PDB file of N, CA and C in Angstrom:
ATOM      1  N   SER A   1     -48.640 -17.923  20.516  1.00  0.00           N
ATOM      2  CA  SER A   1     -48.104 -17.258  21.703  1.00  0.00           C
ATOM      3  C   SER A   1     -47.127 -16.171  21.272  1.00  0.00           C
ATOM      4  N   PRO A   2     -46.938 -15.138  22.075  1.00  0.00           N
ATOM      5  CA  PRO A   2     -46.056 -14.032  21.696  1.00  0.00           C
ATOM      6  C   PRO A   2     -44.590 -14.448  21.570  1.00  0.00           C
ATOM      7  N   CYS A   3     -44.175 -15.487  22.255  1.00  0.00           N
ATOM      8  CA  CYS A   3     -42.768 -15.898  22.199  1.00  0.00           C
ATOM      9  C   CYS A   3     -42.408 -16.467  20.833  1.00  0.00           C
ATOM     10  N   ARG A   4     -43.372 -17.087  20.149  1.00  0.00           N
ATOM     11  CA  ARG A   4     -43.085 -17.711  18.868  1.00  0.00           C
ATOM     12  C   ARG A   4     -43.163 -16.720  17.705  1.00  0.00           C
ATOM     13  N   ALA A   5     -43.619 -15.535  17.944  1.00  0.00           N
ATOM     14  CA  ALA A   5     -43.821 -14.587  16.850  1.00  0.00           C
ATOM     15  C   ALA A   5     -42.493 -14.162  16.220  1.00  0.00           C
ATOM     16  N   GLY A   6     -41.404 -14.080  16.980  1.00  0.00           N
ATOM     17  CA  GLY A   6     -40.130 -13.610  16.458  1.00  0.00           C
ATOM     18  C   GLY A   6     -39.213 -14.698  15.941  1.00  0.00           C
ATOM     19  N   THR A   7     -39.661 -15.943  15.898  1.00  0.00           N
ATOM     20  CA  THR A   7     -38.773 -17.033  15.499  1.00  0.00           C
ATOM     21  C   THR A   7     -38.874 -17.363  14.018  1.00  0.00           C
ATOM     22  N   GLY A   8     -39.653 -16.615  13.259  1.00  0.00           N
ATOM     23  CA  GLY A   8     -39.775 -16.876  11.829  1.00  0.00           C
ATOM     24  C   GLY A   8     -38.523 -16.448  11.076  1.00  0.00           C
ATOM     25  N   ALA A   9     -38.489 -16.742   9.796  1.00  0.00           N
ATOM     26  CA  ALA A   9     -37.336 -16.374   8.978  1.00  0.00           C
ATOM     27  C   ALA A   9     -37.289 -14.857   8.815  1.00  0.00           C
ATOM     28  N   LYS A  10     -36.134 -14.283   9.137  1.00  0.00           N
ATOM     29  CA  LYS A  10     -35.976 -12.837   8.991  1.00  0.00           C
ATOM     30  C   LYS A  10     -35.364 -12.535   7.631  1.00  0.00           C
ATOM     31  N   GLU A  11     -35.730 -11.427   7.061  1.00  0.00           N
ATOM     32  CA  GLU A  11     -35.157 -11.012   5.789  1.00  0.00           C
ATOM     33  C   GLU A  11     -33.798 -10.379   6.052  1.00  0.00           C
ATOM     34  N   LEU A  12     -32.777 -10.884   5.383  1.00  0.00           N
ATOM     35  CA  LEU A  12     -31.420 -10.393   5.606  1.00  0.00           C
ATOM     36  C   LEU A  12     -31.189  -9.089   4.838  1.00  0.00           C
ATOM     37  N   GLN A  13     -30.314  -8.279   5.371  1.00  0.00           N
ATOM     38  CA  GLN A  13     -29.945  -7.038   4.690  1.00  0.00           C
ATOM     39  C   GLN A  13     -29.129  -7.370   3.440  1.00  0.00           C
ATOM     40  N   PRO A  14     -29.249  -6.570   2.383  1.00  0.00           N
ATOM     41  CA  PRO A  14     -28.492  -6.849   1.146  1.00  0.00           C
ATOM     42  C   PRO A  14     -26.988  -6.887   1.358  1.00  0.00           C
ATOM     43  N   TRP A  15     -26.453  -6.001   2.198  1.00  0.00           N
ATOM     44  CA  TRP A  15     -25.003  -6.014   2.406  1.00  0.00           C
ATOM     45  C   TRP A  15     -24.568  -7.283   3.134  1.00  0.00           C
ATOM     46  N   LEU A  16     -25.448  -7.833   3.972  1.00  0.00           N
ATOM     47  CA  LEU A  16     -25.114  -9.061   4.681  1.00  0.00           C
ATOM     48  C   LEU A  16     -25.127 -10.255   3.730  1.00  0.00           C
ATOM     49  N   ILE A  17     -26.051 -10.240   2.785  1.00  0.00           N
ATOM     50  CA  ILE A  17     -26.083 -11.309   1.777  1.00  0.00           C
ATOM     51  C   ILE A  17     -24.815 -11.253   0.926  1.00  0.00           C
ATOM     52  N   GLY A  18     -24.423 -10.043   0.526  1.00  0.00           N
ATOM     53  CA  GLY A  18     -23.200  -9.896  -0.268  1.00  0.00           C
ATOM     54  C   GLY A  18     -21.964 -10.323   0.495  1.00  0.00           C
ATOM     55  N   LEU A  19     -21.885  -9.934   1.757  1.00  0.00           N
ATOM     56  CA  LEU A  19     -20.740 -10.314   2.585  1.00  0.00           C
ATOM     57  C   LEU A  19     -20.671 -11.826   2.765  1.00  0.00           C
ATOM     58  N   THR A  20     -21.827 -12.436   2.980  1.00  0.00           N
ATOM     59  CA  THR A  20     -21.866 -13.891   3.127  1.00  0.00           C
ATOM     60  C   THR A  20     -21.428 -14.583   1.845  1.00  0.00           C
ATOM     61  N   ALA A  21     -21.870 -14.062   0.700  1.00  0.00           N
ATOM     62  CA  ALA A  21     -21.475 -14.651  -0.582  1.00  0.00           C
ATOM     63  C   ALA A  21     -19.968 -14.557  -0.792  1.00  0.00           C
ATOM     64  N   VAL A  22     -19.378 -13.415  -0.450  1.00  0.00           N
ATOM     65  CA  VAL A  22     -17.930 -13.244  -0.616  1.00  0.00           C
ATOM     66  C   VAL A  22     -17.165 -14.192   0.301  1.00  0.00           C
ATOM     67  N   VAL A  23     -17.609 -14.305   1.558  1.00  0.00           N
ATOM     68  CA  VAL A  23     -16.929 -15.192   2.502  1.00  0.00           C
ATOM     69  C   VAL A  23     -17.021 -16.648   2.047  1.00  0.00           C
ATOM     70  N   VAL A  24     -18.181 -17.063   1.583  1.00  0.00           N
ATOM     71  CA  VAL A  24     -18.339 -18.439   1.101  1.00  0.00           C
ATOM     72  C   VAL A  24     -17.469 -18.674  -0.134  1.00  0.00           C
ATOM     73  N   PHE A  25     -17.422 -17.715  -1.044  1.00  0.00           N
ATOM     74  CA  PHE A  25     -16.598 -17.845  -2.241  1.00  0.00           C
ATOM     75  C   PHE A  25     -15.125 -17.974  -1.870  1.00  0.00           C
ATOM     76  N   LEU A  26     -14.644 -17.132  -0.961  1.00  0.00           N
ATOM     77  CA  LEU A  26     -13.237 -17.199  -0.555  1.00  0.00           C
ATOM     78  C   LEU A  26     -12.926 -18.517   0.152  1.00  0.00           C
ATOM     79  N   PHE A  27     -13.869 -19.028   0.928  1.00  0.00           N
ATOM     80  CA  PHE A  27     -13.668 -20.309   1.593  1.00  0.00           C
ATOM     81  C   PHE A  27     -13.555 -21.438   0.570  1.00  0.00           C
ATOM     82  N   ILE A  28     -14.409 -21.417  -0.450  1.00  0.00           N
ATOM     83  CA  ILE A  28     -14.347 -22.443  -1.495  1.00  0.00           C
ATOM     84  C   ILE A  28     -13.011 -22.371  -2.242  1.00  0.00           C
ATOM     85  N   VAL A  29     -12.560 -21.160  -2.567  1.00  0.00           N
ATOM     86  CA  VAL A  29     -11.273 -20.996  -3.250  1.00  0.00           C
ATOM     87  C   VAL A  29     -10.142 -21.522  -2.365  1.00  0.00           C
ATOM     88  N   PHE A  30     -10.184 -21.217  -1.059  1.00  0.00           N
ATOM     89  CA  PHE A  30      -9.167 -21.692  -0.135  1.00  0.00           C
ATOM     90  C   PHE A  30      -9.122 -23.214  -0.106  1.00  0.00           C
ATOM     91  N   VAL A  31     -10.281 -23.851  -0.037  1.00  0.00           N
ATOM     92  CA  VAL A  31     -10.331 -25.313   0.007  1.00  0.00           C
ATOM     93  C   VAL A  31      -9.797 -25.899  -1.293  1.00  0.00           C
ATOM     94  N   LEU A  32     -10.158 -25.308  -2.434  1.00  0.00           N
ATOM     95  CA  LEU A  32      -9.659 -25.812  -3.712  1.00  0.00           C
ATOM     96  C   LEU A  32      -8.150 -25.675  -3.829  1.00  0.00           C
ATOM     97  N   LEU A  33      -7.590 -24.548  -3.383  1.00  0.00           N
ATOM     98  CA  LEU A  33      -6.140 -24.375  -3.418  1.00  0.00           C
ATOM     99  C   LEU A  33      -5.442 -25.368  -2.496  1.00  0.00           C
ATOM    100  N   LEU A  34      -6.037 -25.631  -1.334  1.00  0.00           N
ATOM    101  CA  LEU A  34      -5.460 -26.587  -0.403  1.00  0.00           C
ATOM    102  C   LEU A  34      -5.466 -27.990  -0.994  1.00  0.00           C
ATOM    103  N   VAL A  35      -6.576 -28.387  -1.619  1.00  0.00           N
ATOM    104  CA  VAL A  35      -6.662 -29.703  -2.249  1.00  0.00           C
ATOM    105  C   VAL A  35      -5.656 -29.801  -3.393  1.00  0.00           C
ATOM    106  N   ASN A  36      -5.524 -28.743  -4.183  1.00  0.00           N
ATOM    107  CA  ASN A  36      -4.570 -28.741  -5.288  1.00  0.00           C
ATOM    108  C   ASN A  36      -3.147 -28.917  -4.777  1.00  0.00           C
ATOM    109  N   ARG A  37      -2.799 -28.215  -3.693  1.00  0.00           N
ATOM    110  CA  ARG A  37      -1.457 -28.316  -3.135  1.00  0.00           C
ATOM    111  C   ARG A  37      -1.178 -29.724  -2.612  1.00  0.00           C
ATOM    112  N   LEU A  38      -2.151 -30.299  -1.893  1.00  0.00           N
ATOM    113  CA  LEU A  38      -1.968 -31.656  -1.380  1.00  0.00           C
ATOM    114  C   LEU A  38      -1.871 -32.661  -2.524  1.00  0.00           C
ATOM    115  N   TRP A  39      -2.636 -32.467  -3.589  1.00  0.00           N
ATOM    116  CA  TRP A  39      -2.590 -33.356  -4.748  1.00  0.00           C
ATOM    117  C   TRP A  39      -1.220 -33.303  -5.415  1.00  0.00           C
ATOM    118  N   ARG A  40      -0.660 -32.077  -5.570  1.00  0.00           N
ATOM    119  CA  ARG A  40       0.666 -31.938  -6.175  1.00  0.00           C
ATOM    120  C   ARG A  40       1.738 -32.618  -5.324  1.00  0.00           C
ATOM    121  N   ILE A  41       1.658 -32.472  -4.003  1.00  0.00           N
ATOM    122  CA  ILE A  41       2.631 -33.111  -3.119  1.00  0.00           C
ATOM    123  C   ILE A  41       2.531 -34.632  -3.234  1.00  0.00           C
ATOM    124  N   ARG A  42       1.308 -35.136  -3.289  1.00  0.00           N
ATOM    125  CA  ARG A  42       1.109 -36.579  -3.394  1.00  0.00           C
ATOM    126  C   ARG A  42       1.649 -37.115  -4.717  1.00  0.00           C
ATOM    127  N   MET A  43       1.363 -36.412  -5.810  1.00  0.00           N
ATOM    128  CA  MET A  43       1.851 -36.848  -7.115  1.00  0.00           C
ATOM    129  C   MET A  43       3.378 -36.784  -7.178  1.00  0.00           C
ATOM    130  N   HIS A  44       3.959 -35.772  -6.537  1.00  0.00           N
ATOM    131  CA  HIS A  44       5.421 -35.631  -6.542  1.00  0.00           C
ATOM    132  C   HIS A  44       6.060 -36.804  -5.800  1.00  0.00           C
ATOM    133  N   ARG A  45       5.464 -37.222  -4.691  1.00  0.00           N
ATOM    134  CA  ARG A  45       6.006 -38.351  -3.933  1.00  0.00           C
ATOM    135  C   ARG A  45       5.890 -39.645  -4.719  1.00  0.00           C
ATOM    136  N   GLU A  46       4.794 -39.816  -5.451  1.00  0.00           N
ATOM    137  CA  GLU A  46       4.596 -41.048  -6.220  1.00  0.00           C
ATOM    138  C   GLU A  46       5.532 -41.126  -7.412  1.00  0.00           C
ATOM    139  N   GLN A  47       6.028 -39.983  -7.900  1.00  0.00           N
ATOM    140  CA  GLN A  47       6.880 -39.980  -9.090  1.00  0.00           C
ATOM    141  C   GLN A  47       8.360 -40.084  -8.756  1.00  0.00           C
ATOM    142  N   GLY A  48       8.732 -40.391  -7.550  1.00  0.00           N
ATOM    143  CA  GLY A  48      10.127 -40.618  -7.259  1.00  0.00           C
ATOM    144  C   GLY A  48      10.692 -39.821  -6.108  1.00  0.00           C
ATOM    145  N   GLY A  49       9.867 -39.223  -5.307  1.00  0.00           N
ATOM    146  CA  GLY A  49      10.338 -38.568  -4.104  1.00  0.00           C
ATOM    147  C   GLY A  49      11.198 -37.361  -4.366  1.00  0.00           C
ATOM    148  N   LEU A  50      12.524 -37.509  -4.232  1.00  0.00           N
ATOM    149  CA  LEU A  50      13.426 -36.369  -4.315  1.00  0.00           C
ATOM    150  C   LEU A  50      13.921 -36.108  -5.731  1.00  0.00           C
ATOM    151  N   GLN A  51      13.346 -36.772  -6.714  1.00  0.00           N
ATOM    152  CA  GLN A  51      13.741 -36.526  -8.097  1.00  0.00           C
ATOM    153  C   GLN A  51      13.442 -35.086  -8.475  1.00  0.00           C
ATOM    154  N   GLU A  52      14.439 -34.388  -9.008  1.00  0.00           N
ATOM    155  CA  GLU A  52      14.259 -32.970  -9.326  1.00  0.00           C
ATOM    156  C   GLU A  52      13.649 -32.813 -10.709  1.00  0.00           C
ATOM    157  N   THR A  53      12.671 -31.933 -10.789  1.00  0.00           N
ATOM    158  CA  THR A  53      12.035 -31.620 -12.052  1.00  0.00           C
ATOM    159  C   THR A  53      12.015 -30.114 -12.229  1.00  0.00           C
ATOM    160  N   GLN A  54      11.672 -29.659 -13.418  1.00  0.00           N
ATOM    161  CA  GLN A  54      11.622 -28.224 -13.658  1.00  0.00           C
ATOM    162  C   GLN A  54      10.543 -27.560 -12.820  1.00  0.00           C
ATOM    163  N   GLY A  55       9.473 -28.270 -12.529  1.00  0.00           N
ATOM    164  CA  GLY A  55       8.384 -27.697 -11.766  1.00  0.00           C
ATOM    165  C   GLY A  55       8.754 -27.397 -10.324  1.00  0.00           C
ATOM    166  N   THR A  56       9.700 -28.145  -9.763  1.00  0.00           N
ATOM    167  CA  THR A  56      10.055 -27.925  -8.366  1.00  0.00           C
ATOM    168  C   THR A  56      11.145 -26.879  -8.208  1.00  0.00           C
ATOM    169  N   ASP A  57      11.813 -26.492  -9.284  1.00  0.00           N
ATOM    170  CA  ASP A  57      12.898 -25.518  -9.164  1.00  0.00           C
ATOM    171  C   ASP A  57      12.410 -24.196  -8.610  1.00  0.00           C
ATOM    172  N   ARG A  58      11.239 -23.755  -9.026  1.00  0.00           N
ATOM    173  CA  ARG A  58      10.753 -22.464  -8.548  1.00  0.00           C
ATOM    174  C   ARG A  58      10.400 -22.511  -7.071  1.00  0.00           C
ATOM    175  N   TYR A  59      10.045 -23.688  -6.559  1.00  0.00           N
ATOM    176  CA  TYR A  59       9.724 -23.789  -5.143  1.00  0.00           C
ATOM    177  C   TYR A  59      10.979 -23.763  -4.276  1.00  0.00           C
ATOM    178  N   HIS A  60      12.106 -24.191  -4.851  1.00  0.00           N
ATOM    179  CA  HIS A  60      13.350 -24.209  -4.088  1.00  0.00           C
ATOM    180  C   HIS A  60      14.146 -22.933  -4.282  1.00  0.00           C
ATOM    181  N   GLY A  61      13.642 -22.002  -5.033  1.00  0.00           N
ATOM    182  CA  GLY A  61      14.301 -20.710  -5.185  1.00  0.00           C
ATOM    183  C   GLY A  61      15.435 -20.730  -6.188  1.00  0.00           C
ATOM    184  N   ARG A  62      15.458 -21.702  -7.103  1.00  0.00           N
ATOM    185  CA  ARG A  62      16.519 -21.739  -8.097  1.00  0.00           C
ATOM    186  C   ARG A  62      15.951 -21.466  -9.482  1.00  0.00           C
ATOM    187  N   GLY A  63      15.227 -20.411  -9.603  1.00  0.00           N
ATOM    188  CA  GLY A  63      14.625 -20.067 -10.890  1.00  0.00           C
ATOM    189  C   GLY A  63      15.626 -19.396 -11.783  1.00  0.00           C
ATOM    190  N   ALA A  64      15.371 -18.151 -12.154  1.00  0.00           N
ATOM    191  CA  ALA A  64      16.246 -17.410 -13.038  1.00  0.00           C
ATOM    192  C   ALA A  64      17.543 -17.007 -12.333  1.00  0.00           C
ATOM    193  N   ALA A  65      17.551 -16.981 -11.005  1.00  0.00           N
ATOM    194  CA  ALA A  65      18.725 -16.536 -10.265  1.00  0.00           C
ATOM    195  C   ALA A  65      19.761 -17.652 -10.108  1.00  0.00           C
ATOM    196  N   GLY A  66      19.388 -18.875 -10.398  1.00  0.00           N
ATOM    197  CA  GLY A  66      20.299 -20.003 -10.210  1.00  0.00           C
ATOM    198  C   GLY A  66      21.317 -20.074 -11.331  1.00  0.00           C
ATOM    199  N   PRO A  67      22.261 -21.036 -11.196  1.00  0.00           N
ATOM    200  CA  PRO A  67      23.264 -21.197 -12.241  1.00  0.00           C
ATOM    201  C   PRO A  67      22.639 -21.696 -13.541  1.00  0.00           C
ATOM    202  N   ALA A  68      23.277 -21.369 -14.637  1.00  0.00           N
ATOM    203  CA  ALA A  68      22.767 -21.773 -15.937  1.00  0.00           C
ATOM    204  C   ALA A  68      22.912 -23.273 -16.098  1.00  0.00           C
ATOM    205  N   PRO A  69      21.857 -23.939 -16.620  1.00  0.00           N
ATOM    206  CA  PRO A  69      21.955 -25.396 -16.809  1.00  0.00           C
ATOM    207  C   PRO A  69      22.923 -25.737 -17.930  1.00  0.00           C
ATOM    208  N   GLY A  70      23.580 -26.904 -17.772  1.00  0.00           N
ATOM    209  CA  GLY A  70      24.460 -27.390 -18.830  1.00  0.00           C
ATOM    210  C   GLY A  70      25.793 -26.849 -18.671  1.00  0.00           C
TER     211      GLY A  70
END
């Protein structure tokens, strides 16, 4: 029937394939960064909660601008 003739797989334009690949890649990177962040928060809580470490200093803004240790 004529109605079914247009329902087959259409060939996508090359720029659309490239755009789709970039969007999927960025989504995967976003998910990986989110999982990494949640994993770090979970590990930090398991290691003593508010215990200060060198790794957390940069997140609290006390890097090179903070007072000298010791």
